[in-house]
Amino acid sequence: AGDHKVSINFLNDAFGGTAATDRNLYLDSATYARAAVTCGKLSLLGSGAQTVTVHDTTALPAPASSLPPPFTMNGGTGSDTLVLTVSHDTYKGDPQYTIPAAGK
């Protein structure tokens, strides 16, 4: 539960001097648990990272008593879904990007 940062890191911006010769990346929309994310639209016009914040109101499950603390979870559980709709301008190739969520 709580706020979580989702980063979109644009790796390979390119600009050839005009709008027709420019590579950009856009986050057109973001939803989390079927709800629109506030500020869920981004224009990445140069290399680097931008972030959106998603708010999760789902209560965390109690840790299983058979796992000694501390324990590590790889991935999540539950029915929450993060959906990002991404588009781009292509110039000399498609944009490359990473989307780490919750530091992973």
N, C-alpha and C. Protein backbone atom coordinates (compact mmCIF):
# COMPACT_ATOMS: atom_id res chain seq x y z
N ALA A 1 0.84 -1.18 0.00
CA ALA A 1 0.00 0.00 0.00
C ALA A 1 0.88 1.24 0.00
N GLY A 2 0.36 2.34 -0.54
CA GLY A 2 1.10 3.59 -0.56
C GLY A 2 1.46 4.03 -1.96
N ASP A 3 2.31 5.05 -2.02
CA ASP A 3 2.75 5.59 -3.31
C ASP A 3 3.96 4.83 -3.82
N HIS A 4 3.98 4.63 -5.14
CA HIS A 4 5.09 3.94 -5.79
C HIS A 4 5.48 4.71 -7.04
N LYS A 5 6.76 4.90 -7.25
CA LYS A 5 7.28 5.60 -8.41
C LYS A 5 7.48 4.61 -9.55
N VAL A 6 7.03 4.99 -10.73
CA VAL A 6 7.27 4.22 -11.94
C VAL A 6 8.05 5.14 -12.88
N SER A 7 9.25 4.74 -13.24
CA SER A 7 10.11 5.54 -14.11
C SER A 7 10.05 5.03 -15.53
N ILE A 8 10.12 5.95 -16.47
CA ILE A 8 10.29 5.61 -17.87
C ILE A 8 11.59 6.27 -18.28
N ASN A 9 12.57 5.46 -18.64
CA ASN A 9 13.89 5.95 -18.97
C ASN A 9 14.11 5.84 -20.48
N PHE A 10 14.11 6.97 -21.18
CA PHE A 10 14.31 7.04 -22.63
C PHE A 10 15.81 6.96 -22.89
N LEU A 11 16.23 5.92 -23.61
CA LEU A 11 17.64 5.61 -23.74
C LEU A 11 18.32 6.16 -24.99
N ASN A 12 17.59 6.38 -26.08
CA ASN A 12 18.28 6.69 -27.33
C ASN A 12 17.61 7.80 -28.14
N ASP A 13 17.51 8.98 -27.56
CA ASP A 13 16.96 10.13 -28.28
C ASP A 13 17.81 10.41 -29.52
N ALA A 14 17.15 10.91 -30.56
CA ALA A 14 17.85 11.33 -31.77
C ALA A 14 17.12 12.54 -32.34
N PHE A 15 17.88 13.49 -32.89
CA PHE A 15 17.29 14.68 -33.49
C PHE A 15 18.08 15.05 -34.72
N GLY A 16 17.37 15.15 -35.85
CA GLY A 16 18.02 15.50 -37.11
C GLY A 16 17.77 16.92 -37.56
N GLY A 17 17.24 17.78 -36.67
CA GLY A 17 17.09 19.19 -36.99
C GLY A 17 15.68 19.65 -37.30
N THR A 18 14.74 18.72 -37.51
CA THR A 18 13.36 19.10 -37.80
C THR A 18 12.41 18.18 -37.05
N ALA A 19 11.14 18.56 -37.01
CA ALA A 19 10.13 17.71 -36.36
C ALA A 19 10.00 16.37 -37.06
N ALA A 20 10.23 16.33 -38.36
CA ALA A 20 10.13 15.08 -39.10
C ALA A 20 11.33 14.17 -38.86
N THR A 21 12.40 14.72 -38.35
CA THR A 21 13.61 13.93 -38.10
C THR A 21 13.95 13.98 -36.61
N ASP A 22 13.00 13.55 -35.82
CA ASP A 22 13.13 13.58 -34.37
C ASP A 22 12.59 12.28 -33.81
N ARG A 23 13.28 11.72 -32.83
CA ARG A 23 12.80 10.52 -32.14
C ARG A 23 12.40 10.93 -30.73
N ASN A 24 11.14 10.72 -30.40
CA ASN A 24 10.60 11.05 -29.08
C ASN A 24 9.80 9.87 -28.56
N LEU A 25 9.53 9.90 -27.27
CA LEU A 25 8.76 8.85 -26.61
C LEU A 25 7.66 9.51 -25.79
N TYR A 26 6.47 8.92 -25.82
CA TYR A 26 5.33 9.50 -25.12
C TYR A 26 4.64 8.44 -24.26
N LEU A 27 4.32 8.81 -23.05
CA LEU A 27 3.42 8.01 -22.23
C LEU A 27 2.04 8.63 -22.45
N ASP A 28 1.20 7.92 -23.18
CA ASP A 28 -0.11 8.45 -23.54
C ASP A 28 -1.11 8.30 -22.40
N SER A 29 -1.00 7.25 -21.61
CA SER A 29 -1.89 7.07 -20.47
C SER A 29 -1.29 6.05 -19.52
N ALA A 30 -1.77 6.11 -18.29
CA ALA A 30 -1.36 5.14 -17.28
C ALA A 30 -2.56 4.87 -16.38
N THR A 31 -2.79 3.60 -16.11
CA THR A 31 -3.83 3.22 -15.16
C THR A 31 -3.23 2.23 -14.17
N TYR A 32 -3.73 2.28 -12.96
CA TYR A 32 -3.33 1.33 -11.93
C TYR A 32 -4.59 0.85 -11.25
N ALA A 33 -4.76 -0.45 -11.20
CA ALA A 33 -5.96 -1.06 -10.61
C ALA A 33 -7.21 -0.46 -11.25
N ARG A 34 -7.14 -0.31 -12.56
CA ARG A 34 -8.25 0.19 -13.40
C ARG A 34 -8.60 1.65 -13.17
N ALA A 35 -7.78 2.41 -12.45
CA ALA A 35 -8.03 3.83 -12.24
C ALA A 35 -6.94 4.64 -12.93
N ALA A 36 -7.34 5.75 -13.55
CA ALA A 36 -6.37 6.61 -14.22
C ALA A 36 -5.36 7.14 -13.20
N VAL A 37 -4.10 7.19 -13.62
CA VAL A 37 -3.03 7.73 -12.79
C VAL A 37 -2.96 9.24 -13.02
N THR A 38 -3.00 10.02 -11.94
CA THR A 38 -2.85 11.46 -12.06
C THR A 38 -1.50 11.77 -12.68
N CYS A 39 -1.48 12.71 -13.61
CA CYS A 39 -0.25 13.06 -14.34
C CYS A 39 0.30 11.86 -15.08
N GLY A 40 -0.58 11.02 -15.62
CA GLY A 40 -0.18 9.80 -16.32
C GLY A 40 0.15 10.01 -17.77
N LYS A 41 0.43 11.25 -18.18
CA LYS A 41 0.87 11.53 -19.55
C LYS A 41 2.20 12.23 -19.48
N LEU A 42 3.15 11.76 -20.28
CA LEU A 42 4.48 12.35 -20.32
C LEU A 42 4.95 12.47 -21.76
N SER A 43 5.74 13.49 -22.03
CA SER A 43 6.45 13.62 -23.31
C SER A 43 7.93 13.58 -22.99
N LEU A 44 8.60 12.54 -23.47
CA LEU A 44 10.03 12.40 -23.27
C LEU A 44 10.69 12.84 -24.57
N LEU A 45 11.16 14.07 -24.59
CA LEU A 45 11.70 14.67 -25.81
C LEU A 45 13.22 14.61 -25.85
N GLY A 46 13.81 14.05 -24.84
CA GLY A 46 15.25 13.86 -24.77
C GLY A 46 15.55 12.66 -23.90
N SER A 47 16.77 12.14 -24.00
CA SER A 47 17.16 10.98 -23.20
C SER A 47 17.08 11.31 -21.72
N GLY A 48 16.75 10.30 -20.94
CA GLY A 48 16.66 10.45 -19.50
C GLY A 48 15.37 9.88 -18.96
N ALA A 49 15.22 9.97 -17.65
CA ALA A 49 14.07 9.37 -16.98
C ALA A 49 13.07 10.42 -16.53
N GLN A 50 11.79 10.04 -16.60
CA GLN A 50 10.71 10.80 -15.99
C GLN A 50 9.88 9.79 -15.21
N THR A 51 9.17 10.27 -14.20
CA THR A 51 8.42 9.35 -13.35
C THR A 51 6.96 9.76 -13.21
N VAL A 52 6.13 8.76 -12.94
CA VAL A 52 4.75 8.97 -12.52
C VAL A 52 4.61 8.24 -11.19
N THR A 53 3.69 8.69 -10.39
CA THR A 53 3.45 8.08 -9.10
C THR A 53 2.09 7.39 -9.12
N VAL A 54 2.07 6.13 -8.73
CA VAL A 54 0.82 5.39 -8.60
C VAL A 54 0.54 5.21 -7.11
N HIS A 55 -0.72 5.28 -6.76
CA HIS A 55 -1.11 5.13 -5.36
C HIS A 55 -1.89 3.83 -5.20
N ASP A 56 -1.39 2.97 -4.35
CA ASP A 56 -2.00 1.67 -4.08
C ASP A 56 -2.69 1.72 -2.73
N THR A 57 -3.98 1.41 -2.72
CA THR A 57 -4.74 1.41 -1.47
C THR A 57 -4.99 0.00 -0.96
N THR A 58 -4.44 -0.99 -1.66
CA THR A 58 -4.63 -2.38 -1.26
C THR A 58 -3.81 -2.69 -0.01
N ALA A 59 -4.42 -3.28 0.97
CA ALA A 59 -3.70 -3.66 2.18
C ALA A 59 -2.72 -4.78 1.86
N LEU A 60 -1.56 -4.70 2.45
CA LEU A 60 -0.56 -5.76 2.27
C LEU A 60 -0.99 -7.00 3.02
N PRO A 61 -0.77 -8.17 2.43
CA PRO A 61 -1.11 -9.40 3.15
C PRO A 61 -0.14 -9.62 4.30
N ALA A 62 -0.61 -10.28 5.33
CA ALA A 62 0.26 -10.60 6.45
C ALA A 62 1.32 -11.60 5.98
N PRO A 63 2.55 -11.47 6.46
CA PRO A 63 3.58 -12.41 6.06
C PRO A 63 3.23 -13.84 6.49
N ALA A 64 3.58 -14.78 5.67
CA ALA A 64 3.34 -16.19 6.02
C ALA A 64 4.18 -16.56 7.22
N SER A 65 3.59 -17.22 8.18
CA SER A 65 4.30 -17.54 9.42
C SER A 65 5.43 -18.53 9.20
N SER A 66 5.41 -19.25 8.07
CA SER A 66 6.46 -20.23 7.82
C SER A 66 7.73 -19.60 7.27
N LEU A 67 7.67 -18.31 6.92
CA LEU A 67 8.86 -17.63 6.41
C LEU A 67 9.52 -16.85 7.53
N PRO A 68 10.77 -17.15 7.83
CA PRO A 68 11.44 -16.39 8.88
C PRO A 68 11.77 -14.98 8.39
N PRO A 69 11.61 -13.96 9.22
CA PRO A 69 11.95 -12.61 8.79
C PRO A 69 13.46 -12.48 8.69
N PRO A 70 14.03 -11.66 7.81
CA PRO A 70 13.31 -11.01 6.73
C PRO A 70 13.12 -11.99 5.56
N PHE A 71 12.12 -11.73 4.74
CA PHE A 71 11.92 -12.56 3.56
C PHE A 71 11.83 -11.66 2.34
N THR A 72 12.10 -12.22 1.20
CA THR A 72 12.13 -11.46 -0.05
C THR A 72 11.05 -11.98 -0.97
N MET A 73 10.31 -11.05 -1.56
CA MET A 73 9.32 -11.42 -2.57
C MET A 73 9.85 -11.00 -3.93
N ASN A 74 9.86 -11.88 -4.87
CA ASN A 74 10.21 -11.56 -6.24
C ASN A 74 8.91 -11.45 -7.03
N GLY A 75 8.47 -10.22 -7.28
CA GLY A 75 7.20 -10.02 -7.96
C GLY A 75 6.14 -9.69 -6.94
N GLY A 76 4.93 -9.63 -7.38
CA GLY A 76 3.85 -9.25 -6.48
C GLY A 76 2.77 -10.29 -6.46
N THR A 77 1.78 -10.01 -5.65
CA THR A 77 0.63 -10.88 -5.56
C THR A 77 -0.61 -10.01 -5.66
N GLY A 78 -1.73 -10.59 -5.92
CA GLY A 78 -2.97 -9.84 -5.97
C GLY A 78 -3.40 -9.56 -7.39
N SER A 79 -4.46 -8.77 -7.50
CA SER A 79 -5.06 -8.54 -8.81
C SER A 79 -4.77 -7.17 -9.37
N ASP A 80 -3.97 -6.33 -8.71
CA ASP A 80 -3.69 -5.00 -9.21
C ASP A 80 -2.88 -5.07 -10.50
N THR A 81 -3.20 -4.19 -11.42
CA THR A 81 -2.54 -4.18 -12.71
C THR A 81 -2.11 -2.76 -13.06
N LEU A 82 -0.89 -2.61 -13.53
CA LEU A 82 -0.38 -1.34 -14.04
C LEU A 82 -0.36 -1.43 -15.55
N VAL A 83 -1.05 -0.51 -16.23
CA VAL A 83 -1.10 -0.49 -17.69
C VAL A 83 -0.54 0.84 -18.17
N LEU A 84 0.51 0.79 -19.00
CA LEU A 84 1.11 1.98 -19.59
C LEU A 84 0.92 1.91 -21.09
N THR A 85 0.38 2.97 -21.68
CA THR A 85 0.23 3.05 -23.13
C THR A 85 1.31 4.00 -23.64
N VAL A 86 2.21 3.47 -24.47
CA VAL A 86 3.37 4.21 -24.93
C VAL A 86 3.32 4.33 -26.44
N SER A 87 3.68 5.51 -26.97
CA SER A 87 3.81 5.71 -28.42
C SER A 87 5.13 6.43 -28.67
N HIS A 88 5.47 6.61 -29.95
CA HIS A 88 6.77 7.23 -30.24
C HIS A 88 6.80 7.83 -31.64
N ASP A 89 7.79 8.71 -31.83
CA ASP A 89 8.18 9.20 -33.15
C ASP A 89 9.45 8.44 -33.51
N THR A 90 9.47 7.86 -34.70
CA THR A 90 10.63 7.08 -35.12
C THR A 90 11.51 7.91 -36.04
N TYR A 91 12.78 7.96 -35.73
CA TYR A 91 13.77 8.59 -36.61
C TYR A 91 15.04 7.77 -36.49
N LYS A 92 15.45 7.18 -37.59
CA LYS A 92 16.64 6.31 -37.62
C LYS A 92 16.54 5.20 -36.58
N GLY A 93 15.36 4.60 -36.48
CA GLY A 93 15.16 3.48 -35.57
C GLY A 93 14.15 3.77 -34.49
N ASP A 94 13.66 2.71 -33.87
CA ASP A 94 12.68 2.83 -32.79
C ASP A 94 13.36 3.28 -31.50
N PRO A 95 12.61 3.98 -30.65
CA PRO A 95 13.17 4.34 -29.35
C PRO A 95 13.36 3.11 -28.47
N GLN A 96 14.35 3.20 -27.63
CA GLN A 96 14.61 2.17 -26.64
C GLN A 96 14.36 2.78 -25.27
N TYR A 97 13.75 1.99 -24.38
CA TYR A 97 13.44 2.52 -23.06
C TYR A 97 13.31 1.38 -22.07
N THR A 98 13.45 1.73 -20.81
CA THR A 98 13.21 0.79 -19.71
C THR A 98 12.13 1.39 -18.82
N ILE A 99 11.41 0.51 -18.13
CA ILE A 99 10.36 0.95 -17.21
C ILE A 99 10.53 0.20 -15.90
N PRO A 100 11.43 0.66 -15.04
CA PRO A 100 11.54 0.02 -13.73
C PRO A 100 10.40 0.49 -12.83
N ALA A 101 9.84 -0.41 -12.07
CA ALA A 101 8.77 -0.09 -11.13
C ALA A 101 9.18 -0.57 -9.75
N ALA A 102 9.00 0.27 -8.77
CA ALA A 102 9.36 -0.05 -7.39
C ALA A 102 10.82 -0.48 -7.30
N GLY A 103 11.68 0.17 -8.09
CA GLY A 103 13.11 -0.10 -8.06
C GLY A 103 13.55 -1.37 -8.73
N LYS A 104 12.65 -2.03 -9.49
CA LYS A 104 13.00 -3.28 -10.15
C LYS A 104 12.73 -3.19 -11.64
